[in-house]
N, C-alpha and C. Protein backbone atom coordinates (compact mmCIF):
# COMPACT_ATOMS: atom_id res chain seq x y z
N MET A 1 27.95 57.03 193.67
CA MET A 1 26.55 57.27 193.95
C MET A 1 25.85 57.77 192.69
N LYS A 2 24.68 57.26 192.44
CA LYS A 2 23.92 57.63 191.26
C LYS A 2 23.32 59.03 191.44
N GLU A 3 23.36 59.82 190.36
CA GLU A 3 22.77 61.15 190.40
C GLU A 3 21.25 61.05 190.50
N LYS A 4 20.66 62.07 191.09
CA LYS A 4 19.20 62.10 191.19
C LYS A 4 18.59 62.23 189.80
N GLU A 5 17.45 61.57 189.65
CA GLU A 5 16.66 61.71 188.43
C GLU A 5 15.24 62.06 188.87
N TYR A 6 14.51 62.69 187.96
CA TYR A 6 13.16 63.14 188.28
C TYR A 6 12.19 62.61 187.23
N ALA A 7 10.99 62.30 187.70
CA ALA A 7 9.92 61.82 186.83
C ALA A 7 8.69 62.70 187.07
N ILE A 8 7.71 62.53 186.21
CA ILE A 8 6.46 63.28 186.32
C ILE A 8 5.34 62.28 186.58
N PHE A 9 4.59 62.52 187.64
CA PHE A 9 3.47 61.67 188.02
C PHE A 9 2.20 62.47 187.75
N LEU A 10 1.26 61.88 186.99
CA LEU A 10 0.07 62.63 186.62
C LEU A 10 -1.16 61.74 186.55
N GLN A 11 -2.31 62.39 186.66
CA GLN A 11 -3.59 61.69 186.54
C GLN A 11 -3.89 61.54 185.06
N ILE A 12 -4.09 60.29 184.63
CA ILE A 12 -4.36 60.05 183.21
C ILE A 12 -5.85 59.84 182.94
N ASP A 13 -6.62 59.56 184.01
CA ASP A 13 -8.07 59.39 183.91
C ASP A 13 -8.62 59.45 185.33
N ASP A 14 -9.92 59.46 185.48
CA ASP A 14 -10.50 59.50 186.82
C ASP A 14 -9.99 58.33 187.65
N GLY A 15 -9.29 58.64 188.72
CA GLY A 15 -8.78 57.61 189.61
C GLY A 15 -7.60 56.82 189.08
N GLU A 16 -7.06 57.22 187.93
CA GLU A 16 -5.91 56.52 187.35
C GLU A 16 -4.72 57.46 187.27
N TRP A 17 -3.62 57.02 187.83
CA TRP A 17 -2.39 57.80 187.86
C TRP A 17 -1.26 56.99 187.24
N ASP A 18 -0.32 57.66 186.62
CA ASP A 18 0.83 56.98 186.01
C ASP A 18 1.96 57.99 185.87
N TYR A 19 3.13 57.46 185.62
CA TYR A 19 4.27 58.30 185.29
C TYR A 19 4.20 58.68 183.82
N LEU A 20 4.62 59.88 183.50
CA LEU A 20 4.74 60.28 182.11
C LEU A 20 5.80 59.40 181.47
N ARG A 21 5.51 58.88 180.30
CA ARG A 21 6.38 57.91 179.66
C ARG A 21 6.81 58.38 178.29
N LYS A 22 7.87 57.79 177.80
CA LYS A 22 8.32 58.09 176.43
C LYS A 22 7.27 57.57 175.48
N LYS A 23 6.91 58.37 174.50
CA LYS A 23 5.85 58.01 173.56
C LYS A 23 6.31 56.92 172.60
N SER A 24 5.47 55.90 172.47
CA SER A 24 5.76 54.85 171.50
C SER A 24 5.00 55.09 170.20
N GLY A 25 3.92 55.85 170.30
CA GLY A 25 3.13 56.19 169.14
C GLY A 25 3.29 57.66 168.83
N VAL A 26 2.49 58.15 167.93
CA VAL A 26 2.57 59.54 167.54
C VAL A 26 2.16 60.46 168.69
N ASN A 27 1.05 60.15 169.34
CA ASN A 27 0.55 61.04 170.40
C ASN A 27 0.24 60.31 171.70
N SER A 28 0.76 59.13 171.89
CA SER A 28 0.38 58.38 173.08
C SER A 28 1.50 57.48 173.57
N TRP A 29 1.31 56.97 174.80
CA TRP A 29 2.23 56.00 175.35
C TRP A 29 1.40 54.92 176.01
N THR A 30 2.04 53.81 176.35
CA THR A 30 1.38 52.73 177.07
C THR A 30 2.15 52.50 178.36
N THR A 31 1.58 51.70 179.24
CA THR A 31 2.25 51.40 180.50
C THR A 31 3.49 50.53 180.29
N ASN A 32 3.66 50.01 179.09
CA ASN A 32 4.86 49.24 178.78
C ASN A 32 6.03 50.12 178.34
N ASP A 33 5.77 51.37 178.02
CA ASP A 33 6.82 52.29 177.59
C ASP A 33 7.64 52.74 178.79
N PRO A 34 8.92 53.05 178.58
CA PRO A 34 9.76 53.48 179.70
C PRO A 34 9.35 54.86 180.23
N VAL A 35 9.53 55.03 181.52
CA VAL A 35 9.24 56.31 182.18
C VAL A 35 10.19 57.36 181.63
N LEU A 36 9.64 58.54 181.37
CA LEU A 36 10.45 59.66 180.91
C LEU A 36 11.15 60.27 182.12
N LEU A 37 12.48 60.22 182.11
CA LEU A 37 13.26 60.71 183.24
C LEU A 37 14.03 61.96 182.86
N PHE A 38 14.25 62.81 183.86
CA PHE A 38 14.96 64.07 183.67
C PHE A 38 16.14 64.11 184.63
N ARG A 39 17.22 64.70 184.19
CA ARG A 39 18.44 64.78 185.00
C ARG A 39 18.40 65.93 186.00
N ASN A 40 17.50 66.89 185.77
CA ASN A 40 17.37 67.97 186.75
C ASN A 40 15.91 68.34 186.93
N LYS A 41 15.62 68.88 188.09
CA LYS A 41 14.24 69.17 188.48
C LYS A 41 13.63 70.29 187.63
N ASP A 42 14.43 71.25 187.21
CA ASP A 42 13.91 72.36 186.41
C ASP A 42 13.35 71.87 185.08
N ASP A 43 14.07 70.98 184.42
CA ASP A 43 13.58 70.43 183.14
C ASP A 43 12.30 69.62 183.35
N ALA A 44 12.27 68.86 184.43
CA ALA A 44 11.08 68.08 184.74
C ALA A 44 9.89 69.00 185.02
N GLN A 45 10.13 70.07 185.76
CA GLN A 45 9.06 71.01 186.08
C GLN A 45 8.54 71.71 184.83
N TYR A 46 9.44 72.03 183.92
CA TYR A 46 9.04 72.67 182.66
C TYR A 46 8.05 71.76 181.91
N GLU A 47 8.33 70.46 181.87
CA GLU A 47 7.43 69.51 181.19
C GLU A 47 6.15 69.33 182.00
N ALA A 48 6.26 69.23 183.31
CA ALA A 48 5.08 69.03 184.16
C ALA A 48 4.10 70.19 184.05
N ASP A 49 4.61 71.39 183.83
CA ASP A 49 3.75 72.57 183.71
C ASP A 49 2.82 72.50 182.50
N LYS A 50 3.09 71.60 181.59
CA LYS A 50 2.25 71.42 180.39
C LYS A 50 1.01 70.59 180.70
N TRP A 51 0.95 69.98 181.87
CA TRP A 51 -0.13 69.08 182.26
C TRP A 51 -0.89 69.65 183.45
N ASN A 52 -2.21 69.46 183.48
CA ASN A 52 -3.03 70.00 184.57
C ASN A 52 -2.82 69.31 185.90
N THR A 53 -2.54 68.02 185.89
CA THR A 53 -2.51 67.25 187.13
C THR A 53 -1.13 66.71 187.48
N ALA A 54 -0.10 67.22 186.85
CA ALA A 54 1.24 66.65 186.99
C ALA A 54 2.01 67.22 188.17
N SER A 55 2.84 66.37 188.74
CA SER A 55 3.79 66.83 189.76
C SER A 55 5.13 66.13 189.53
N VAL A 56 6.19 66.81 189.90
CA VAL A 56 7.53 66.26 189.74
C VAL A 56 7.87 65.46 190.99
N VAL A 57 8.39 64.26 190.78
CA VAL A 57 8.80 63.40 191.88
C VAL A 57 10.23 62.94 191.65
N GLU A 58 10.94 62.72 192.73
CA GLU A 58 12.29 62.19 192.60
C GLU A 58 12.18 60.70 192.28
N TRP A 59 12.88 60.29 191.24
CA TRP A 59 12.86 58.90 190.83
C TRP A 59 13.79 58.13 191.76
N GLN A 60 13.26 57.13 192.41
CA GLN A 60 14.05 56.36 193.37
C GLN A 60 14.83 55.27 192.64
N TYR A 61 16.11 55.19 192.92
CA TYR A 61 16.96 54.16 192.35
C TYR A 61 16.40 52.79 192.67
N GLY A 62 16.34 51.95 191.66
CA GLY A 62 15.84 50.59 191.86
C GLY A 62 14.37 50.43 191.53
N MET A 63 13.66 51.53 191.28
CA MET A 63 12.26 51.40 190.89
C MET A 63 12.20 50.87 189.47
N VAL A 64 11.13 50.20 189.15
CA VAL A 64 10.95 49.68 187.80
C VAL A 64 10.75 50.83 186.86
N LYS A 65 11.55 50.87 185.80
CA LYS A 65 11.45 51.94 184.83
C LYS A 65 10.65 51.46 183.66
C-alpha cells in the first residue's frame, strides 16, 4: 500500500485555485510544473502556513501530478 502524501491547495487569484507546485522559475511556477508533495502532514502544514489561502489536502493516489 502506498504511503499517504499531502499537497497544498491555494487560491492563486480571484476565483482561481491550484495546487502548490515545484517552482520552475526563480519565483514562480506554472500549471505544467509537478505538484509539490509532502510525506507528512506537519511538513505540509508548515509550508501552507506561509500562504493566506492555503489548506493541506491528502493527495489521492492516481491523481494527475
